Each structure stands twice: as structure tokens, then as C-alpha cells.
Amino acid sequence: MPGILKTTGILSKDELMNCPGMPTRERMKEGPVAIIECIQEIPCDPCVEACRHHAIEIGEDITLLPRLIEDNCTGCGICIARCPGLAIFVVDLNYSSEGALIMIPYEFLPLPKVHSTVMALNRGGKVVGEARVIKVSNPKKNDRTPVISLLVHKDLILDIRNISF
């Protein structure tokens, strides 16, 4: 992908909007949906296998970028922990009147506590706001990749990709 990614290594919002794993804004307004920020053409497809709703496809060439079939995506989040590149997130703009929900993979210890307030970080590691931890999911099937559910300001769902506390 041309643009800021090549010069900084950080995906810009414009580049994100051109990813085949990006749902339309209209779909994001309907309820929970995955955002696949996979931008490397490498042989990888665990997300395809993980999705029982057939919402992710790569095709015959395993090095192609994953494409989100947004009409099939339920926003269940099973794909999040299966991505070895930590490149899949789920957003729900309709979570509450307070804000949106974002589910992120998180492979650091200690894990945040439910109901705690954490600093929300963008792709470059800069603080962009605060988030409230709603849920910490770490079942054995996630293979040591916990999924953190955060309540955030709706304007930040395309920015937040990590946390600090």
C-alpha cells in the first residue's frame, strides 16, 4: 500500500479505509463488526478457519489480503485471538448511549481489571483518550491471547488499537 505506511510503518486512516478487511461505515452503524487491518501479503489464513460465519475470505492464493464479507459478520470476535498479527478488532457503534465498544487483542501482563479506566492508544502508541474496561476474555481456546472489550468515545473506534495503565 502506498502512503504513510511505507514511510512510518503505521497505517493511516486513509490507508485503513482502503483495506479489503474494512467494513463500510453503514455496516458499522448496524452493530458489531470486525475490522481486519491485515496489510501484509504473507502466507496466513487462521482468521478464515476461525470464522464459522464465513465472513472472512482470502481465496486460493494464501498470500492475498483477507477480505471481510460484512453481511456475514456477526461481530462475535472469535477471529481476534486467532490472528497471529494481532490485526483484527471488533467495533460496535451501538453498544450504549455512552459510547462504542471495541474489542482488541492484548498480549501483555498484567491484564487490566474489569471496570478500570485505561489510557487508549493509537497505532503509534500515542494516547488518544481514555477507555473503560468492560470485559477481559482469556479462555484456553484463545491460546494466551486475551481479548479486552473497551467502552470508548465513538469518534475513536478507528484510532484505538492498544491500551496502557
N, C-alpha and C. Protein backbone atom coordinates (compact mmCIF):
# COMPACT_ATOMS: atom_id res chain seq x y z
N MET A 1 0.83 -1.18 0.00
CA MET A 1 0.00 0.00 0.00
C MET A 1 0.88 1.24 0.00
N PRO A 2 0.62 2.16 -0.88
CA PRO A 2 1.40 3.39 -0.88
C PRO A 2 0.95 4.30 0.25
N GLY A 3 1.78 5.25 0.60
CA GLY A 3 1.37 6.25 1.58
C GLY A 3 2.19 6.23 2.84
N ILE A 4 1.56 6.68 3.92
CA ILE A 4 2.24 6.87 5.18
C ILE A 4 2.79 5.56 5.75
N LEU A 5 2.14 4.45 5.48
CA LEU A 5 2.61 3.16 5.97
C LEU A 5 4.05 2.90 5.52
N LYS A 6 4.33 3.19 4.27
CA LYS A 6 5.68 2.94 3.74
C LYS A 6 6.72 3.82 4.41
N THR A 7 6.34 5.01 4.83
CA THR A 7 7.33 5.91 5.42
C THR A 7 7.41 5.82 6.93
N THR A 8 6.32 5.45 7.60
CA THR A 8 6.33 5.41 9.07
C THR A 8 6.12 4.03 9.65
N GLY A 9 5.58 3.11 8.86
CA GLY A 9 5.24 1.79 9.37
C GLY A 9 3.92 1.76 10.10
N ILE A 10 3.22 2.88 10.13
CA ILE A 10 1.94 2.98 10.82
C ILE A 10 0.84 3.25 9.80
N LEU A 11 -0.18 2.45 9.84
CA LEU A 11 -1.30 2.58 8.94
C LEU A 11 -2.09 3.85 9.22
N SER A 12 -2.33 4.65 8.20
CA SER A 12 -3.15 5.86 8.36
C SER A 12 -4.63 5.51 8.22
N LYS A 13 -5.51 6.42 8.62
CA LYS A 13 -6.95 6.17 8.47
C LYS A 13 -7.32 6.03 7.01
N ASP A 14 -6.70 6.83 6.14
CA ASP A 14 -6.99 6.73 4.70
C ASP A 14 -6.59 5.36 4.17
N GLU A 15 -5.43 4.87 4.58
CA GLU A 15 -4.98 3.55 4.14
C GLU A 15 -5.89 2.46 4.70
N LEU A 16 -6.32 2.65 5.94
CA LEU A 16 -7.24 1.68 6.56
C LEU A 16 -8.53 1.58 5.76
N MET A 17 -9.05 2.71 5.33
CA MET A 17 -10.32 2.72 4.60
C MET A 17 -10.22 1.96 3.27
N ASN A 18 -9.01 1.76 2.76
CA ASN A 18 -8.81 1.04 1.51
C ASN A 18 -8.48 -0.44 1.70
N CYS A 19 -8.39 -0.89 2.95
CA CYS A 19 -8.11 -2.30 3.23
C CYS A 19 -9.33 -3.15 2.88
N PRO A 20 -9.12 -4.34 2.30
CA PRO A 20 -10.26 -5.21 1.99
C PRO A 20 -10.96 -5.76 3.23
N GLY A 21 -10.35 -5.58 4.39
CA GLY A 21 -10.95 -6.05 5.64
C GLY A 21 -11.72 -4.97 6.38
N MET A 22 -11.90 -3.82 5.75
CA MET A 22 -12.58 -2.70 6.38
C MET A 22 -14.06 -2.70 6.03
N PRO A 23 -14.95 -2.74 7.03
CA PRO A 23 -16.38 -2.66 6.73
C PRO A 23 -16.77 -1.23 6.34
N THR A 24 -17.88 -1.10 5.67
CA THR A 24 -18.37 0.23 5.32
C THR A 24 -18.88 0.92 6.58
N ARG A 25 -18.96 2.22 6.53
CA ARG A 25 -19.49 2.99 7.67
C ARG A 25 -20.94 2.58 7.94
N GLU A 26 -21.68 2.32 6.87
CA GLU A 26 -23.08 1.90 7.02
C GLU A 26 -23.16 0.59 7.81
N ARG A 27 -22.27 -0.36 7.49
CA ARG A 27 -22.27 -1.64 8.21
C ARG A 27 -21.88 -1.44 9.66
N MET A 28 -20.93 -0.56 9.91
CA MET A 28 -20.51 -0.30 11.30
C MET A 28 -21.67 0.26 12.12
N LYS A 29 -22.56 0.99 11.50
CA LYS A 29 -23.70 1.56 12.21
C LYS A 29 -24.77 0.53 12.54
N GLU A 30 -24.71 -0.65 11.90
CA GLU A 30 -25.72 -1.69 12.12
C GLU A 30 -25.48 -2.53 13.37
N GLY A 31 -24.26 -2.56 13.88
CA GLY A 31 -23.95 -3.37 15.05
C GLY A 31 -22.54 -3.90 14.98
N PRO A 32 -22.19 -4.83 15.87
CA PRO A 32 -20.81 -5.32 15.96
C PRO A 32 -20.31 -5.88 14.63
N VAL A 33 -19.07 -5.52 14.29
CA VAL A 33 -18.47 -5.99 13.04
C VAL A 33 -16.95 -5.98 13.19
N ALA A 34 -16.30 -6.90 12.52
CA ALA A 34 -14.84 -6.99 12.56
C ALA A 34 -14.22 -5.96 11.63
N ILE A 35 -13.04 -5.51 12.04
CA ILE A 35 -12.17 -4.70 11.20
C ILE A 35 -10.87 -5.50 11.08
N ILE A 36 -10.50 -5.82 9.84
CA ILE A 36 -9.29 -6.61 9.62
C ILE A 36 -8.22 -5.68 9.05
N GLU A 37 -7.23 -5.37 9.86
CA GLU A 37 -6.17 -4.44 9.45
C GLU A 37 -4.94 -5.17 8.94
N CYS A 38 -5.14 -6.31 8.35
CA CYS A 38 -4.05 -7.09 7.79
C CYS A 38 -3.63 -6.44 6.47
N ILE A 39 -2.39 -6.01 6.41
CA ILE A 39 -1.91 -5.31 5.22
C ILE A 39 -0.68 -5.95 4.62
N GLN A 40 -0.28 -7.10 5.15
CA GLN A 40 0.90 -7.78 4.65
C GLN A 40 0.50 -9.00 3.84
N GLU A 41 1.00 -9.08 2.64
CA GLU A 41 0.71 -10.23 1.79
C GLU A 41 1.67 -11.35 2.13
N ILE A 42 1.30 -12.09 3.17
CA ILE A 42 2.11 -13.20 3.66
C ILE A 42 1.23 -14.45 3.71
N PRO A 43 1.82 -15.64 3.70
CA PRO A 43 1.00 -16.85 3.77
C PRO A 43 0.42 -17.03 5.17
N CYS A 44 -0.85 -16.68 5.30
CA CYS A 44 -1.51 -16.72 6.61
C CYS A 44 -3.01 -16.78 6.38
N ASP A 45 -3.71 -17.66 7.12
CA ASP A 45 -5.17 -17.71 6.99
C ASP A 45 -5.92 -18.25 8.21
N PRO A 46 -5.39 -18.16 9.43
CA PRO A 46 -6.13 -18.67 10.57
C PRO A 46 -7.47 -17.96 10.78
N CYS A 47 -7.57 -16.72 10.36
CA CYS A 47 -8.82 -15.99 10.52
C CYS A 47 -9.94 -16.61 9.69
N VAL A 48 -9.60 -17.09 8.51
CA VAL A 48 -10.60 -17.73 7.64
C VAL A 48 -11.13 -18.98 8.32
N GLU A 49 -10.25 -19.77 8.84
CA GLU A 49 -10.63 -21.02 9.51
C GLU A 49 -11.43 -20.74 10.78
N ALA A 50 -11.11 -19.67 11.48
CA ALA A 50 -11.77 -19.34 12.75
C ALA A 50 -13.21 -18.90 12.57
N CYS A 51 -13.51 -18.26 11.45
CA CYS A 51 -14.84 -17.66 11.28
C CYS A 51 -15.86 -18.69 10.80
N ARG A 52 -16.74 -19.06 11.70
CA ARG A 52 -17.76 -20.05 11.35
C ARG A 52 -18.92 -19.43 10.57
N HIS A 53 -18.89 -18.11 10.41
CA HIS A 53 -19.94 -17.41 9.65
C HIS A 53 -19.50 -17.12 8.21
N HIS A 54 -18.29 -17.55 7.87
CA HIS A 54 -17.74 -17.35 6.52
C HIS A 54 -17.70 -15.87 6.16
N ALA A 55 -17.29 -15.05 7.13
CA ALA A 55 -17.22 -13.60 6.93
C ALA A 55 -15.84 -13.13 6.50
N ILE A 56 -14.88 -14.05 6.45
CA ILE A 56 -13.52 -13.70 6.03
C ILE A 56 -13.10 -14.65 4.92
N GLU A 57 -12.60 -14.09 3.84
CA GLU A 57 -12.09 -14.94 2.76
C GLU A 57 -10.76 -14.41 2.26
N ILE A 58 -9.95 -15.33 1.80
CA ILE A 58 -8.66 -14.99 1.22
C ILE A 58 -8.60 -15.46 -0.23
N GLY A 59 -9.11 -16.62 -0.49
CA GLY A 59 -9.07 -17.18 -1.83
C GLY A 59 -8.01 -18.25 -1.94
N GLU A 60 -7.77 -18.67 -3.17
CA GLU A 60 -6.83 -19.77 -3.41
C GLU A 60 -5.39 -19.41 -3.07
N ASP A 61 -5.00 -18.16 -3.32
CA ASP A 61 -3.65 -17.70 -3.03
C ASP A 61 -3.60 -17.24 -1.58
N ILE A 62 -2.97 -18.05 -0.72
CA ILE A 62 -2.96 -17.80 0.72
C ILE A 62 -2.21 -16.51 1.09
N THR A 63 -1.52 -15.89 0.14
CA THR A 63 -0.82 -14.65 0.45
C THR A 63 -1.67 -13.40 0.18
N LEU A 64 -2.88 -13.58 -0.33
CA LEU A 64 -3.75 -12.43 -0.56
C LEU A 64 -4.23 -11.86 0.77
N LEU A 65 -4.58 -10.58 0.77
CA LEU A 65 -5.09 -9.96 1.98
C LEU A 65 -6.50 -10.48 2.28
N PRO A 66 -6.81 -10.69 3.56
CA PRO A 66 -8.16 -11.17 3.90
C PRO A 66 -9.20 -10.10 3.60
N ARG A 67 -10.32 -10.55 3.11
CA ARG A 67 -11.43 -9.66 2.77
C ARG A 67 -12.59 -9.96 3.70
N LEU A 68 -13.19 -8.92 4.26
CA LEU A 68 -14.34 -9.07 5.13
C LEU A 68 -15.60 -9.13 4.29
N ILE A 69 -16.40 -10.16 4.50
CA ILE A 69 -17.73 -10.26 3.90
C ILE A 69 -18.67 -9.70 4.97
N GLU A 70 -18.85 -8.40 4.95
CA GLU A 70 -19.51 -7.71 6.06
C GLU A 70 -20.94 -8.18 6.32
N ASP A 71 -21.63 -8.63 5.30
CA ASP A 71 -23.00 -9.11 5.52
C ASP A 71 -23.03 -10.40 6.33
N ASN A 72 -21.93 -11.15 6.34
CA ASN A 72 -21.87 -12.40 7.10
C ASN A 72 -21.34 -12.20 8.52
N CYS A 73 -20.70 -11.08 8.78
CA CYS A 73 -20.04 -10.86 10.07
C CYS A 73 -21.06 -10.53 11.15
N THR A 74 -20.98 -11.27 12.26
CA THR A 74 -21.85 -11.04 13.41
C THR A 74 -21.14 -10.26 14.51
N GLY A 75 -19.84 -10.05 14.35
CA GLY A 75 -19.08 -9.35 15.38
C GLY A 75 -18.81 -10.20 16.60
N CYS A 76 -18.82 -11.51 16.43
CA CYS A 76 -18.62 -12.41 17.57
C CYS A 76 -17.22 -12.30 18.17
N GLY A 77 -16.22 -11.95 17.36
CA GLY A 77 -14.87 -11.74 17.87
C GLY A 77 -13.99 -12.97 17.94
N ILE A 78 -14.46 -14.11 17.52
CA ILE A 78 -13.64 -15.33 17.57
C ILE A 78 -12.35 -15.15 16.77
N CYS A 79 -12.41 -14.41 15.71
CA CYS A 79 -11.25 -14.20 14.83
C CYS A 79 -10.14 -13.37 15.50
N ILE A 80 -10.47 -12.56 16.49
CA ILE A 80 -9.50 -11.65 17.09
C ILE A 80 -8.27 -12.39 17.62
N ALA A 81 -8.49 -13.35 18.50
CA ALA A 81 -7.38 -14.07 19.12
C ALA A 81 -6.68 -15.02 18.16
N ARG A 82 -7.31 -15.39 17.07
CA ARG A 82 -6.71 -16.33 16.12
C ARG A 82 -5.71 -15.66 15.18
N CYS A 83 -5.74 -14.33 15.09
CA CYS A 83 -4.84 -13.62 14.18
C CYS A 83 -3.45 -13.49 14.81
N PRO A 84 -2.43 -14.15 14.25
CA PRO A 84 -1.09 -14.07 14.83
C PRO A 84 -0.48 -12.67 14.71
N GLY A 85 -1.01 -11.86 13.82
CA GLY A 85 -0.51 -10.49 13.65
C GLY A 85 -1.24 -9.47 14.48
N LEU A 86 -2.19 -9.91 15.33
CA LEU A 86 -2.98 -9.02 16.18
C LEU A 86 -3.61 -7.89 15.36
N ALA A 87 -4.14 -8.24 14.19
CA ALA A 87 -4.63 -7.26 13.24
C ALA A 87 -6.15 -7.24 13.09
N ILE A 88 -6.86 -7.92 13.98
CA ILE A 88 -8.33 -7.94 13.87
C ILE A 88 -8.93 -7.37 15.15
N PHE A 89 -9.92 -6.51 14.96
CA PHE A 89 -10.63 -5.84 16.04
C PHE A 89 -12.12 -5.94 15.76
N VAL A 90 -12.94 -5.81 16.76
CA VAL A 90 -14.38 -5.73 16.56
C VAL A 90 -14.85 -4.41 17.15
N VAL A 91 -15.70 -3.71 16.41
CA VAL A 91 -16.26 -2.45 16.89
C VAL A 91 -17.79 -2.55 16.90
N ASP A 92 -18.39 -1.88 17.87
CA ASP A 92 -19.84 -1.82 17.98
C ASP A 92 -20.24 -0.38 18.31
N LEU A 93 -20.65 0.35 17.29
CA LEU A 93 -21.06 1.75 17.48
C LEU A 93 -22.35 1.87 18.28
N ASN A 94 -23.13 0.80 18.34
CA ASN A 94 -24.43 0.83 19.02
C ASN A 94 -24.38 0.25 20.43
N TYR A 95 -23.21 0.10 20.99
CA TYR A 95 -23.09 -0.57 22.29
C TYR A 95 -23.93 0.10 23.38
N SER A 96 -23.81 1.42 23.48
CA SER A 96 -24.57 2.14 24.51
C SER A 96 -24.68 3.61 24.14
N SER A 97 -25.50 4.32 24.89
CA SER A 97 -25.60 5.76 24.66
C SER A 97 -24.33 6.46 25.12
N GLU A 98 -23.56 5.80 25.99
CA GLU A 98 -22.30 6.38 26.49
C GLU A 98 -21.18 6.35 25.46
N GLY A 99 -21.16 5.34 24.62
CA GLY A 99 -20.07 5.22 23.67
C GLY A 99 -20.11 3.93 22.89
N ALA A 100 -19.01 3.65 22.24
CA ALA A 100 -18.87 2.46 21.40
C ALA A 100 -18.03 1.41 22.14
N LEU A 101 -18.17 0.19 21.69
CA LEU A 101 -17.36 -0.90 22.23
C LEU A 101 -16.32 -1.28 21.19
N ILE A 102 -15.10 -1.49 21.64
CA ILE A 102 -14.07 -2.03 20.77
C ILE A 102 -13.42 -3.20 21.49
N MET A 103 -13.25 -4.29 20.75
CA MET A 103 -12.61 -5.49 21.28
C MET A 103 -11.23 -5.59 20.64
N ILE A 104 -10.19 -5.67 21.47
CA ILE A 104 -8.82 -5.69 20.97
C ILE A 104 -8.06 -6.90 21.53
N PRO A 105 -7.10 -7.42 20.76
CA PRO A 105 -6.22 -8.45 21.32
C PRO A 105 -5.21 -7.77 22.24
N TYR A 106 -4.80 -8.46 23.31
CA TYR A 106 -3.89 -7.84 24.27
C TYR A 106 -3.00 -8.93 24.84
N GLU A 107 -1.70 -8.89 24.51
CA GLU A 107 -0.78 -9.95 24.93
C GLU A 107 0.25 -9.48 25.94
N PHE A 108 -0.16 -8.63 26.87
CA PHE A 108 0.75 -8.15 27.91
C PHE A 108 0.22 -8.54 29.28
N LEU A 109 1.13 -8.59 30.25
CA LEU A 109 0.75 -8.81 31.65
C LEU A 109 1.23 -7.61 32.45
N PRO A 110 0.51 -7.24 33.44
CA PRO A 110 -0.74 -7.83 33.90
C PRO A 110 -1.89 -7.42 32.99
N LEU A 111 -2.97 -8.18 33.08
CA LEU A 111 -4.19 -7.82 32.35
C LEU A 111 -4.91 -6.71 33.11
N PRO A 112 -5.60 -5.85 32.40
CA PRO A 112 -6.34 -4.80 33.10
C PRO A 112 -7.52 -5.39 33.87
N LYS A 113 -7.97 -4.68 34.86
CA LYS A 113 -9.12 -5.11 35.66
C LYS A 113 -10.41 -4.59 35.03
N VAL A 114 -11.45 -5.42 35.06
CA VAL A 114 -12.77 -5.01 34.59
C VAL A 114 -13.22 -3.79 35.40
N HIS A 115 -13.84 -2.84 34.75
CA HIS A 115 -14.34 -1.58 35.30
C HIS A 115 -13.24 -0.54 35.52
N SER A 116 -11.99 -0.89 35.24
CA SER A 116 -10.93 0.11 35.40
C SER A 116 -10.89 1.05 34.20
N THR A 117 -10.30 2.21 34.41
CA THR A 117 -10.10 3.16 33.32
C THR A 117 -8.65 3.04 32.87
N VAL A 118 -8.46 2.95 31.56
CA VAL A 118 -7.13 2.81 30.99
C VAL A 118 -6.91 3.90 29.95
N MET A 119 -5.67 4.11 29.58
CA MET A 119 -5.35 5.06 28.52
C MET A 119 -5.48 4.33 27.19
N ALA A 120 -6.20 4.93 26.26
CA ALA A 120 -6.41 4.35 24.94
C ALA A 120 -5.30 4.86 24.02
N LEU A 121 -4.64 3.92 23.33
CA LEU A 121 -3.51 4.25 22.47
C LEU A 121 -3.85 4.03 21.01
N ASN A 122 -3.24 4.84 20.15
CA ASN A 122 -3.43 4.65 18.71
C ASN A 122 -2.37 3.68 18.18
N ARG A 123 -2.31 3.49 16.88
CA ARG A 123 -1.37 2.55 16.26
C ARG A 123 0.08 2.92 16.53
N GLY A 124 0.34 4.19 16.75
CA GLY A 124 1.70 4.66 17.02
C GLY A 124 2.06 4.67 18.49
N GLY A 125 1.12 4.24 19.36
CA GLY A 125 1.38 4.18 20.79
C GLY A 125 1.09 5.48 21.52
N LYS A 126 0.50 6.45 20.85
CA LYS A 126 0.18 7.74 21.49
C LYS A 126 -1.20 7.68 22.14
N VAL A 127 -1.31 8.32 23.29
CA VAL A 127 -2.59 8.37 24.00
C VAL A 127 -3.57 9.23 23.20
N VAL A 128 -4.76 8.67 22.94
CA VAL A 128 -5.79 9.42 22.22
C VAL A 128 -7.04 9.62 23.07
N GLY A 129 -7.06 9.07 24.27
CA GLY A 129 -8.20 9.23 25.16
C GLY A 129 -8.19 8.19 26.25
N GLU A 130 -9.32 8.10 26.94
CA GLU A 130 -9.49 7.10 27.98
C GLU A 130 -10.50 6.06 27.53
N ALA A 131 -10.42 4.89 28.14
CA ALA A 131 -11.37 3.82 27.86
C ALA A 131 -11.69 3.11 29.17
N ARG A 132 -12.89 2.56 29.26
CA ARG A 132 -13.27 1.78 30.43
C ARG A 132 -13.28 0.31 30.03
N VAL A 133 -12.62 -0.51 30.82
CA VAL A 133 -12.56 -1.95 30.55
C VAL A 133 -13.91 -2.57 30.93
N ILE A 134 -14.56 -3.16 29.95
CA ILE A 134 -15.87 -3.78 30.14
C ILE A 134 -15.73 -5.28 30.40
N LYS A 135 -14.78 -5.90 29.70
CA LYS A 135 -14.63 -7.36 29.82
C LYS A 135 -13.19 -7.74 29.47
N VAL A 136 -12.70 -8.77 30.14
CA VAL A 136 -11.41 -9.38 29.81
C VAL A 136 -11.68 -10.85 29.57
N SER A 137 -11.50 -11.28 28.33
CA SER A 137 -11.79 -12.66 27.95
C SER A 137 -10.47 -13.38 27.66
N ASN A 138 -10.22 -14.44 28.41
CA ASN A 138 -8.96 -15.16 28.24
C ASN A 138 -9.17 -16.67 28.35
N PRO A 139 -10.08 -17.23 27.54
CA PRO A 139 -10.29 -18.68 27.61
C PRO A 139 -9.11 -19.44 27.00
N LYS A 140 -8.98 -20.69 27.37
CA LYS A 140 -7.89 -21.53 26.87
C LYS A 140 -7.86 -21.57 25.34
N LYS A 141 -9.03 -21.55 24.70
CA LYS A 141 -9.08 -21.63 23.23
C LYS A 141 -8.42 -20.42 22.56
N ASN A 142 -8.24 -19.32 23.30
CA ASN A 142 -7.57 -18.14 22.73
C ASN A 142 -6.06 -18.29 22.68
N ASP A 143 -5.53 -19.38 23.21
CA ASP A 143 -4.10 -19.68 23.16
C ASP A 143 -3.25 -18.51 23.67
N ARG A 144 -3.60 -18.02 24.84
CA ARG A 144 -2.86 -16.96 25.53
C ARG A 144 -2.93 -15.59 24.83
N THR A 145 -3.99 -15.36 24.09
CA THR A 145 -4.23 -14.03 23.53
C THR A 145 -5.56 -13.53 24.09
N PRO A 146 -5.50 -12.83 25.22
CA PRO A 146 -6.73 -12.28 25.78
C PRO A 146 -7.35 -11.24 24.85
N VAL A 147 -8.67 -11.10 24.95
CA VAL A 147 -9.39 -10.08 24.20
C VAL A 147 -10.01 -9.14 25.23
N ILE A 148 -9.67 -7.86 25.09
CA ILE A 148 -10.14 -6.84 26.02
C ILE A 148 -11.27 -6.05 25.34
N SER A 149 -12.41 -5.93 26.00
CA SER A 149 -13.52 -5.14 25.49
C SER A 149 -13.51 -3.79 26.21
N LEU A 150 -13.52 -2.72 25.42
CA LEU A 150 -13.39 -1.36 25.96
C LEU A 150 -14.57 -0.50 25.56
N LEU A 151 -15.04 0.31 26.48
CA LEU A 151 -16.03 1.33 26.18
C LEU A 151 -15.26 2.61 25.87
N VAL A 152 -15.47 3.15 24.66
CA VAL A 152 -14.71 4.30 24.21
C VAL A 152 -15.63 5.34 23.58
N HIS A 153 -15.10 6.52 23.39
CA HIS A 153 -15.85 7.55 22.67
C HIS A 153 -16.01 7.09 21.22
N LYS A 154 -17.20 7.26 20.67
CA LYS A 154 -17.49 6.75 19.32
C LYS A 154 -16.54 7.28 18.26
N ASP A 155 -16.04 8.47 18.43
CA ASP A 155 -15.13 9.05 17.43
C ASP A 155 -13.77 8.38 17.40
N LEU A 156 -13.46 7.54 18.38
CA LEU A 156 -12.12 6.95 18.49
C LEU A 156 -12.02 5.50 18.02
N ILE A 157 -13.11 4.92 17.53
CA ILE A 157 -13.06 3.49 17.21
C ILE A 157 -12.08 3.13 16.10
N LEU A 158 -11.79 4.06 15.22
CA LEU A 158 -10.83 3.76 14.15
C LEU A 158 -9.40 4.12 14.56
N ASP A 159 -9.24 4.68 15.75
CA ASP A 159 -7.91 5.07 16.22
C ASP A 159 -7.35 4.11 17.26
N ILE A 160 -8.17 3.67 18.20
CA ILE A 160 -7.68 2.90 19.35
C ILE A 160 -7.32 1.49 18.93
N ARG A 161 -6.08 1.10 19.25
CA ARG A 161 -5.62 -0.25 18.93
C ARG A 161 -4.82 -0.89 20.05
N ASN A 162 -4.68 -0.19 21.19
CA ASN A 162 -3.97 -0.74 22.34
C ASN A 162 -4.34 0.07 23.56
N ILE A 163 -3.83 -0.36 24.71
CA ILE A 163 -4.10 0.35 25.95
C ILE A 163 -2.84 0.41 26.82
N SER A 164 -2.87 1.30 27.78
CA SER A 164 -1.81 1.41 28.77
C SER A 164 -2.48 1.75 30.10
N PHE A 165 -1.92 1.23 31.18
CA PHE A 165 -2.48 1.57 32.50
C PHE A 165 -1.40 1.54 33.54
